[in-house]
Amino acid sequence: MESTDSSTGTRHQPQLPPGFRFHPTDEELIVHYLKKRVAGAPIPVDIIGEIDLYKFDPWELPAKAIFGEQEWFFFSPRDRKYPNGARPNRAATSGYWKATGTDKPVFTSGGTQKVGVKKALVFYGGKPPKGVKTNWIMHEYRVVENKTNNKPLGCDNIVANKKGSLRLDDWVLCRIYKKNNTQVHR
């Protein structure tokens, strides 16, 4: 899949080897991509785009992705719904993302260390509480915080958000896909 360079409007292909498939596990998304983005460290392959997801409807997102055919990945900031609250603002252009269930912990492959959390969301068209459920699904990944300094593990050099800022998380990683009735997804 081609992507567009937002500064020039030109399209380019990611430099990937033949046969490359991008099907990362939840752990890989958090450890190898999200933690590095949060820490400002380089990511080996530019395959996950940065976008404010909530400024778009889900059907607009595939065209904005760097890579993907059936699922698309983005780094996105997450803003607060209210200035002093902890609830995220999940309103989009013509609807909203609604959380389904609770946060699911993501552990290392050995199962010994919690590295993040995954939240499932469904897109509803319209305004709550009368929105119409769609087949668009989002898995939102966040790194867990280090309890001693309230920063994500491995991110000791990050400056805390400014007081009164609407920014809730500098970065979350989101997997977006459209569910069909026969598809079984992770």
Foldseek 3Di string as FASTA:
>chain_A
DWAADVVPRDIDAWPDDPPDDDDDDLVCCQPQPVLCVQQVHDHPTPFAEEDAVQAADQVVVVRHGRDDDFKGKYKHWWFAPDQPDQHTAAHHDFWGKAWDDDWDFDADPVRPGTFWTKTKTFTFGHYPPPTHTFQKMKIKIDGDADVVPRHGPPRVPDDDDDRRGRTNGGIIMMMIGGDDPVDDDD
